[in-house]
Amino acid sequence: MPVSQLQTEEIKWISPKNRFELYTVWEGAKYYFYFFFCLIRLAALLILFAYDYSIPQE
């Protein structure tokens, strides 16, 4: 692989538009992951509360 081609590939990879797209995709994934995590935590809490109340109190 010629050096010039390698350099252009590198420049294309580090171009601002490409970097911005990567960044936005990563940000979106982070927010989705956070939302998913909160959802799982809420579900776990609900299940725990339901289980706690389903046990007959002495």
PDB file of N, CA and C in Angstrom:
ATOM      1  N   MET A   1       0.855  -1.208   0.000  1.00  0.00           N
ATOM      2  CA  MET A   1       0.000   0.000   0.000  1.00  0.00           C
ATOM      3  C   MET A   1       0.887   1.253   0.000  1.00  0.00           C
ATOM      4  N   PRO A   2       0.712   2.098  -0.987  1.00  0.00           N
ATOM      5  CA  PRO A   2       1.545   3.319  -1.067  1.00  0.00           C
ATOM      6  C   PRO A   2       1.291   4.243   0.121  1.00  0.00           C
ATOM      7  N   VAL A   3       2.297   5.017   0.454  1.00  0.00           N
ATOM      8  CA  VAL A   3       2.189   5.914   1.604  1.00  0.00           C
ATOM      9  C   VAL A   3       1.106   6.961   1.380  1.00  0.00           C
ATOM     10  N   SER A   4       1.038   7.484   0.149  1.00  0.00           N
ATOM     11  CA  SER A   4       0.063   8.548  -0.131  1.00  0.00           C
ATOM     12  C   SER A   4      -1.370   8.048   0.089  1.00  0.00           C
ATOM     13  N   GLN A   5      -1.632   6.821  -0.344  1.00  0.00           N
ATOM     14  CA  GLN A   5      -2.976   6.260  -0.169  1.00  0.00           C
ATOM     15  C   GLN A   5      -3.286   6.084   1.319  1.00  0.00           C
ATOM     16  N   LEU A   6      -2.306   5.609   2.048  1.00  0.00           N
ATOM     17  CA  LEU A   6      -2.477   5.432   3.486  1.00  0.00           C
ATOM     18  C   LEU A   6      -2.790   6.767   4.155  1.00  0.00           C
ATOM     19  N   GLN A   7      -2.076   7.812   3.752  1.00  0.00           N
ATOM     20  CA  GLN A   7      -2.293   9.136   4.330  1.00  0.00           C
ATOM     21  C   GLN A   7      -3.700   9.638   4.019  1.00  0.00           C
ATOM     22  N   THR A   8      -4.147   9.458   2.779  1.00  0.00           N
ATOM     23  CA  THR A   8      -5.493   9.926   2.434  1.00  0.00           C
ATOM     24  C   THR A   8      -6.542   9.150   3.227  1.00  0.00           C
ATOM     25  N   GLU A   9      -6.331   7.850   3.407  1.00  0.00           N
ATOM     26  CA  GLU A   9      -7.261   7.058   4.213  1.00  0.00           C
ATOM     27  C   GLU A   9      -7.324   7.611   5.635  1.00  0.00           C
ATOM     28  N   GLU A  10      -6.164   7.920   6.186  1.00  0.00           N
ATOM     29  CA  GLU A  10      -6.092   8.448   7.538  1.00  0.00           C
ATOM     30  C   GLU A  10      -6.813   9.787   7.628  1.00  0.00           C
ATOM     31  N   ILE A  11      -6.576  10.646   6.648  1.00  0.00           N
ATOM     32  CA  ILE A  11      -7.200  11.973   6.639  1.00  0.00           C
ATOM     33  C   ILE A  11      -8.723  11.825   6.517  1.00  0.00           C
ATOM     34  N   LYS A  12      -9.152  10.885   5.662  1.00  0.00           N
ATOM     35  CA  LYS A  12     -10.588  10.668   5.488  1.00  0.00           C
ATOM     36  C   LYS A  12     -11.200  10.204   6.817  1.00  0.00           C
ATOM     37  N   TRP A  13     -10.469   9.378   7.539  1.00  0.00           N
ATOM     38  CA  TRP A  13     -10.974   8.843   8.803  1.00  0.00           C
ATOM     39  C   TRP A  13     -11.061   9.929   9.866  1.00  0.00           C
ATOM     40  N   ILE A  14     -10.087  10.867   9.853  1.00  0.00           N
ATOM     41  CA  ILE A  14     -10.041  11.887  10.905  1.00  0.00           C
ATOM     42  C   ILE A  14     -10.726  13.184  10.463  1.00  0.00           C
ATOM     43  N   SER A  15     -11.390  13.163   9.311  1.00  0.00           N
ATOM     44  CA  SER A  15     -12.049  14.389   8.846  1.00  0.00           C
ATOM     45  C   SER A  15     -13.133  14.803   9.848  1.00  0.00           C
ATOM     46  N   PRO A  16     -13.355  16.106  10.025  1.00  0.00           N
ATOM     47  CA  PRO A  16     -14.299  16.605  11.045  1.00  0.00           C
ATOM     48  C   PRO A  16     -15.693  16.013  10.917  1.00  0.00           C
ATOM     49  N   LYS A  17     -16.200  15.901   9.682  1.00  0.00           N
ATOM     50  CA  LYS A  17     -17.550  15.383   9.492  1.00  0.00           C
ATOM     51  C   LYS A  17     -17.641  13.949  10.016  1.00  0.00           C
ATOM     52  N   ASN A  18     -16.655  13.155   9.618  1.00  0.00           N
ATOM     53  CA  ASN A  18     -16.639  11.761  10.047  1.00  0.00           C
ATOM     54  C   ASN A  18     -16.549  11.676  11.562  1.00  0.00           C
ATOM     55  N   ARG A  19     -15.685  12.488  12.132  1.00  0.00           N
ATOM     56  CA  ARG A  19     -15.502  12.468  13.581  1.00  0.00           C
ATOM     57  C   ARG A  19     -16.795  12.893  14.271  1.00  0.00           C
ATOM     58  N   PHE A  20     -17.462  13.896  13.724  1.00  0.00           N
ATOM     59  CA  PHE A  20     -18.712  14.381  14.316  1.00  0.00           C
ATOM     60  C   PHE A  20     -19.784  13.296  14.267  1.00  0.00           C
ATOM     61  N   GLU A  21     -19.858  12.591  13.119  1.00  0.00           N
ATOM     62  CA  GLU A  21     -20.846  11.520  12.998  1.00  0.00           C
ATOM     63  C   GLU A  21     -20.573  10.426  14.019  1.00  0.00           C
ATOM     64  N   LEU A  22     -19.309  10.061  14.138  1.00  0.00           N
ATOM     65  CA  LEU A  22     -18.937   9.048  15.124  1.00  0.00           C
ATOM     66  C   LEU A  22     -19.335   9.503  16.520  1.00  0.00           C
ATOM     67  N   TYR A  23     -19.063  10.766  16.814  1.00  0.00           N
ATOM     68  CA  TYR A  23     -19.343  11.317  18.138  1.00  0.00           C
ATOM     69  C   TYR A  23     -20.847  11.288  18.422  1.00  0.00           C
ATOM     70  N   THR A  24     -21.649  11.717  17.448  1.00  0.00           N
ATOM     71  CA  THR A  24     -23.098  11.745  17.667  1.00  0.00           C
ATOM     72  C   THR A  24     -23.636  10.330  17.849  1.00  0.00           C
ATOM     73  N   VAL A  25     -23.122   9.382  17.063  1.00  0.00           N
ATOM     74  CA  VAL A  25     -23.570   7.991  17.206  1.00  0.00           C
ATOM     75  C   VAL A  25     -23.225   7.483  18.600  1.00  0.00           C
ATOM     76  N   TRP A  26     -22.017   7.797  19.057  1.00  0.00           N
ATOM     77  CA  TRP A  26     -21.585   7.343  20.383  1.00  0.00           C
ATOM     78  C   TRP A  26     -22.442   7.992  21.470  1.00  0.00           C
ATOM     79  N   GLU A  27     -22.724   9.296  21.322  1.00  0.00           N
ATOM     80  CA  GLU A  27     -23.564   9.994  22.307  1.00  0.00           C
ATOM     81  C   GLU A  27     -24.945   9.344  22.362  1.00  0.00           C
ATOM     82  N   GLY A  28     -25.524   9.091  21.196  1.00  0.00           N
ATOM     83  CA  GLY A  28     -26.841   8.459  21.141  1.00  0.00           C
ATOM     84  C   GLY A  28     -26.840   7.112  21.841  1.00  0.00           C
ATOM     85  N   ALA A  29     -25.805   6.328  21.581  1.00  0.00           N
ATOM     86  CA  ALA A  29     -25.703   5.001  22.193  1.00  0.00           C
ATOM     87  C   ALA A  29     -25.603   5.131  23.710  1.00  0.00           C
ATOM     88  N   LYS A  30     -24.857   6.149  24.154  1.00  0.00           N
ATOM     89  CA  LYS A  30     -24.681   6.350  25.587  1.00  0.00           C
ATOM     90  C   LYS A  30     -26.029   6.669  26.235  1.00  0.00           C
ATOM     91  N   TYR A  31     -26.804   7.551  25.588  1.00  0.00           N
ATOM     92  CA  TYR A  31     -28.096   7.913  26.164  1.00  0.00           C
ATOM     93  C   TYR A  31     -29.059   6.726  26.164  1.00  0.00           C
ATOM     94  N   TYR A  32     -29.026   5.937  25.074  1.00  0.00           N
ATOM     95  CA  TYR A  32     -29.884   4.759  25.021  1.00  0.00           C
ATOM     96  C   TYR A  32     -29.520   3.787  26.135  1.00  0.00           C
ATOM     97  N   PHE A  33     -28.199   3.613  26.332  1.00  0.00           N
ATOM     98  CA  PHE A  33     -27.736   2.694  27.372  1.00  0.00           C
ATOM     99  C   PHE A  33     -28.187   3.174  28.748  1.00  0.00           C
ATOM    100  N   TYR A  34     -28.076   4.476  28.981  1.00  0.00           N
ATOM    101  CA  TYR A  34     -28.475   5.061  30.269  1.00  0.00           C
ATOM    102  C   TYR A  34     -29.972   4.856  30.506  1.00  0.00           C
ATOM    103  N   PHE A  35     -30.777   5.119  29.453  1.00  0.00           N
ATOM    104  CA  PHE A  35     -32.226   4.950  29.542  1.00  0.00           C
ATOM    105  C   PHE A  35     -32.577   3.497  29.848  1.00  0.00           C
ATOM    106  N   PHE A  36     -31.895   2.588  29.124  1.00  0.00           N
ATOM    107  CA  PHE A  36     -32.122   1.156  29.303  1.00  0.00           C
ATOM    108  C   PHE A  36     -31.780   0.738  30.727  1.00  0.00           C
ATOM    109  N   PHE A  37     -30.662   1.259  31.239  1.00  0.00           N
ATOM    110  CA  PHE A  37     -30.206   0.944  32.595  1.00  0.00           C
ATOM    111  C   PHE A  37     -31.241   1.391  33.623  1.00  0.00           C
ATOM    112  N   CYS A  38     -31.757   2.614  33.451  1.00  0.00           N
ATOM    113  CA  CYS A  38     -32.773   3.137  34.375  1.00  0.00           C
ATOM    114  C   CYS A  38     -34.034   2.282  34.319  1.00  0.00           C
ATOM    115  N   LEU A  39     -34.398   1.858  33.101  1.00  0.00           N
ATOM    116  CA  LEU A  39     -35.592   1.036  32.926  1.00  0.00           C
ATOM    117  C   LEU A  39     -35.440  -0.282  33.681  1.00  0.00           C
ATOM    118  N   ILE A  40     -34.264  -0.888  33.557  1.00  0.00           N
ATOM    119  CA  ILE A  40     -34.005  -2.156  34.239  1.00  0.00           C
ATOM    120  C   ILE A  40     -34.054  -1.962  35.753  1.00  0.00           C
ATOM    121  N   ARG A  41     -33.490  -0.849  36.220  1.00  0.00           N
ATOM    122  CA  ARG A  41     -33.501  -0.577  37.662  1.00  0.00           C
ATOM    123  C   ARG A  41     -34.934  -0.410  38.163  1.00  0.00           C
ATOM    124  N   LEU A  42     -35.752   0.320  37.410  1.00  0.00           N
ATOM    125  CA  LEU A  42     -37.147   0.522  37.814  1.00  0.00           C
ATOM    126  C   LEU A  42     -37.893  -0.804  37.848  1.00  0.00           C
ATOM    127  N   ALA A  43     -37.673  -1.624  36.819  1.00  0.00           N
ATOM    128  CA  ALA A  43     -38.339  -2.926  36.764  1.00  0.00           C
ATOM    129  C   ALA A  43     -37.926  -3.786  37.955  1.00  0.00           C
ATOM    130  N   ALA A  44     -36.636  -3.763  38.277  1.00  0.00           N
ATOM    131  CA  ALA A  44     -36.143  -4.552  39.410  1.00  0.00           C
ATOM    132  C   ALA A  44     -36.785  -4.073  40.711  1.00  0.00           C
ATOM    133  N   LEU A  45     -36.890  -2.756  40.878  1.00  0.00           N
ATOM    134  CA  LEU A  45     -37.514  -2.206  42.086  1.00  0.00           C
ATOM    135  C   LEU A  45     -38.977  -2.634  42.179  1.00  0.00           C
ATOM    136  N   LEU A  46     -39.695  -2.547  41.059  1.00  0.00           N
ATOM    137  CA  LEU A  46     -41.104  -2.946  41.051  1.00  0.00           C
ATOM    138  C   LEU A  46     -41.253  -4.408  41.437  1.00  0.00           C
ATOM    139  N   ILE A  47     -40.400  -5.249  40.850  1.00  0.00           N
ATOM    140  CA  ILE A  47     -40.464  -6.683  41.141  1.00  0.00           C
ATOM    141  C   ILE A  47     -40.173  -6.930  42.622  1.00  0.00           C
ATOM    142  N   LEU A  48     -39.178  -6.230  43.152  1.00  0.00           N
ATOM    143  CA  LEU A  48     -38.834  -6.394  44.570  1.00  0.00           C
ATOM    144  C   LEU A  48     -40.000  -5.978  45.464  1.00  0.00           C
ATOM    145  N   PHE A  49     -40.616  -4.836  45.143  1.00  0.00           N
ATOM    146  CA  PHE A  49     -41.745  -4.368  45.952  1.00  0.00           C
ATOM    147  C   PHE A  49     -42.914  -5.342  45.868  1.00  0.00           C
ATOM    148  N   ALA A  50     -43.217  -5.812  44.652  1.00  0.00           N
ATOM    149  CA  ALA A  50     -44.318  -6.751  44.473  1.00  0.00           C
ATOM    150  C   ALA A  50     -44.047  -8.034  45.257  1.00  0.00           C
ATOM    151  N   TYR A  51     -42.814  -8.513  45.201  1.00  0.00           N
ATOM    152  CA  TYR A  51     -42.442  -9.734  45.924  1.00  0.00           C
ATOM    153  C   TYR A  51     -42.552  -9.517  47.435  1.00  0.00           C
ATOM    154  N   ASP A  52     -42.112  -8.345  47.863  1.00  0.00           N
ATOM    155  CA  ASP A  52     -42.157  -8.016  49.289  1.00  0.00           C
ATOM    156  C   ASP A  52     -43.605  -7.998  49.794  1.00  0.00           C
ATOM    157  N   TYR A  53     -44.500  -7.422  48.998  1.00  0.00           N
ATOM    158  CA  TYR A  53     -45.898  -7.311  49.425  1.00  0.00           C
ATOM    159  C   TYR A  53     -46.651  -8.623  49.254  1.00  0.00           C
ATOM    160  N   SER A  54     -46.149  -9.499  48.376  1.00  0.00           N
ATOM    161  CA  SER A  54     -46.856 -10.761  48.151  1.00  0.00           C
ATOM    162  C   SER A  54     -46.620 -11.730  49.309  1.00  0.00           C
ATOM    163  N   ILE A  55     -45.515 -11.529  50.051  1.00  0.00           N
ATOM    164  CA  ILE A  55     -45.248 -12.382  51.214  1.00  0.00           C
ATOM    165  C   ILE A  55     -46.185 -11.967  52.354  1.00  0.00           C
ATOM    166  N   PRO A  56     -46.952 -12.906  52.884  1.00  0.00           N
ATOM    167  CA  PRO A  56     -47.865 -12.552  53.987  1.00  0.00           C
ATOM    168  C   PRO A  56     -47.094 -12.080  55.207  1.00  0.00           C
ATOM    169  N   GLN A  57     -47.498 -10.941  55.710  1.00  0.00           N
ATOM    170  CA  GLN A  57     -46.810 -10.382  56.877  1.00  0.00           C
ATOM    171  C   GLN A  57     -47.259 -11.114  58.141  1.00  0.00           C
ATOM    172  N   GLU A  58     -46.327 -11.409  58.994  1.00  0.00           N
ATOM    173  CA  GLU A  58     -46.666 -12.112  60.240  1.00  0.00           C
ATOM    174  C   GLU A  58     -47.150 -11.120  61.288  1.00  0.00           C
TER     175      GLU A  58
END
